[in-house]
Amino acid sequence: MASNRPPRYPESARRRGDQGRVIVRVSVSAEGEPLTLSIAHSSGSTALDEAALSAVRQWRFVPASQAGHPVAAQAEVPIVFRLEN
């Protein structure tokens, strides 16, 4: 959703020059709340992976629907951490 805040870039990862893409797998309730989260694809940096999980845990989603009714579903959310020059 547009109102979901992007993850905070961890200062320790920024100092090391860590960048990468994390894919977070999330189970979303019929109400749009994240239920369980896991890393489907790691960035290679624990700090970036944890920052992605922490952010997505706070997000709210538009739930999937079936026959016009909201249902629980799974989604994969890509999060890109890129240092800007």
Protein backbone atom coordinates (compact mmCIF):
# COMPACT_ATOMS: atom_id res chain seq x y z
CA MET A 1 0.00 0.00 0.00
CA ALA A 2 1.17 3.52 -0.69
CA SER A 3 1.06 4.50 2.99
CA ASN A 4 3.53 1.77 4.03
CA ARG A 5 6.84 3.25 5.11
CA PRO A 6 9.99 2.02 3.38
CA PRO A 7 12.56 0.26 5.55
CA ARG A 8 15.18 2.32 7.33
CA TYR A 9 18.64 1.76 5.86
CA PRO A 10 20.71 0.35 8.76
CA GLU A 11 23.61 2.67 9.53
CA SER A 12 25.99 -0.28 10.02
CA ALA A 13 25.11 -1.59 6.54
CA ARG A 14 25.51 1.90 5.06
CA ARG A 15 29.01 2.24 6.58
CA ARG A 16 30.02 -1.15 5.13
CA GLY A 17 28.61 -0.21 1.74
CA ASP A 18 26.07 -3.06 1.83
CA GLN A 19 23.45 -2.97 -0.91
CA GLY A 20 21.09 -5.56 -2.26
CA ARG A 21 17.61 -6.89 -2.84
CA VAL A 22 15.61 -8.77 -0.23
CA ILE A 23 12.46 -10.70 -1.09
CA VAL A 24 10.18 -11.08 1.91
CA ARG A 25 7.55 -13.82 1.79
CA VAL A 26 4.53 -12.77 3.83
CA SER A 27 1.28 -14.50 4.74
CA VAL A 28 -1.46 -11.86 4.69
CA SER A 29 -4.71 -12.23 6.62
CA ALA A 30 -8.11 -11.53 5.11
CA GLU A 31 -7.93 -8.24 7.03
CA GLY A 32 -4.66 -7.26 5.31
CA GLU A 33 -2.39 -7.84 8.31
CA PRO A 34 0.95 -9.64 7.92
CA LEU A 35 0.84 -12.92 9.84
CA THR A 36 4.11 -14.71 9.18
CA LEU A 37 7.20 -13.45 7.41
CA SER A 38 10.31 -15.11 6.07
CA ILE A 39 13.17 -14.30 3.75
CA ALA A 40 12.51 -15.84 0.34
CA HIS A 41 15.76 -14.38 -1.05
CA SER A 42 18.49 -12.79 1.05
CA SER A 43 20.41 -9.66 0.15
CA GLY A 44 23.51 -11.29 1.58
CA SER A 45 23.47 -8.82 4.48
CA THR A 46 21.81 -9.81 7.75
CA ALA A 47 21.30 -6.15 8.64
CA LEU A 48 19.44 -5.43 5.39
CA ASP A 49 17.37 -8.61 5.67
CA GLU A 50 16.35 -7.73 9.24
CA ALA A 51 15.48 -4.15 8.27
CA ALA A 52 13.24 -5.45 5.48
CA LEU A 53 11.46 -7.88 7.83
CA SER A 54 11.00 -5.18 10.45
CA ALA A 55 9.41 -2.78 7.96
CA VAL A 56 7.09 -5.30 6.30
CA ARG A 57 5.94 -6.51 9.73
CA GLN A 58 4.44 -3.01 10.25
CA TRP A 59 2.77 -2.78 6.85
CA ARG A 60 -0.88 -3.29 5.96
CA PHE A 61 -1.91 -4.92 2.70
CA VAL A 62 -4.91 -5.00 0.43
CA PRO A 63 -6.06 -8.59 0.93
CA ALA A 64 -6.60 -10.99 -1.92
CA SER A 65 -10.20 -11.67 -2.83
CA GLN A 66 -12.13 -14.68 -3.95
CA ALA A 67 -15.70 -14.42 -5.21
CA GLY A 68 -15.72 -10.83 -4.01
CA HIS A 69 -14.69 -11.67 -0.45
CA PRO A 70 -11.32 -10.97 1.17
CA VAL A 71 -9.21 -14.08 1.81
CA ALA A 72 -5.85 -14.87 3.35
CA ALA A 73 -3.02 -15.31 0.88
CA GLN A 74 0.76 -15.22 0.48
CA ALA A 75 2.77 -12.55 -1.27
CA GLU A 76 6.42 -11.90 -2.05
CA VAL A 77 7.59 -8.35 -1.48
CA PRO A 78 10.85 -7.12 -3.05
CA ILE A 79 12.80 -4.56 -1.04
CA VAL A 80 15.79 -2.86 -2.67
CA PHE A 81 18.52 -1.22 -0.62
CA ARG A 82 20.71 0.99 -2.80
CA LEU A 83 23.28 3.53 -1.67
CA GLU A 84 22.95 6.76 -3.59
CA ASN A 85 26.08 8.72 -4.45
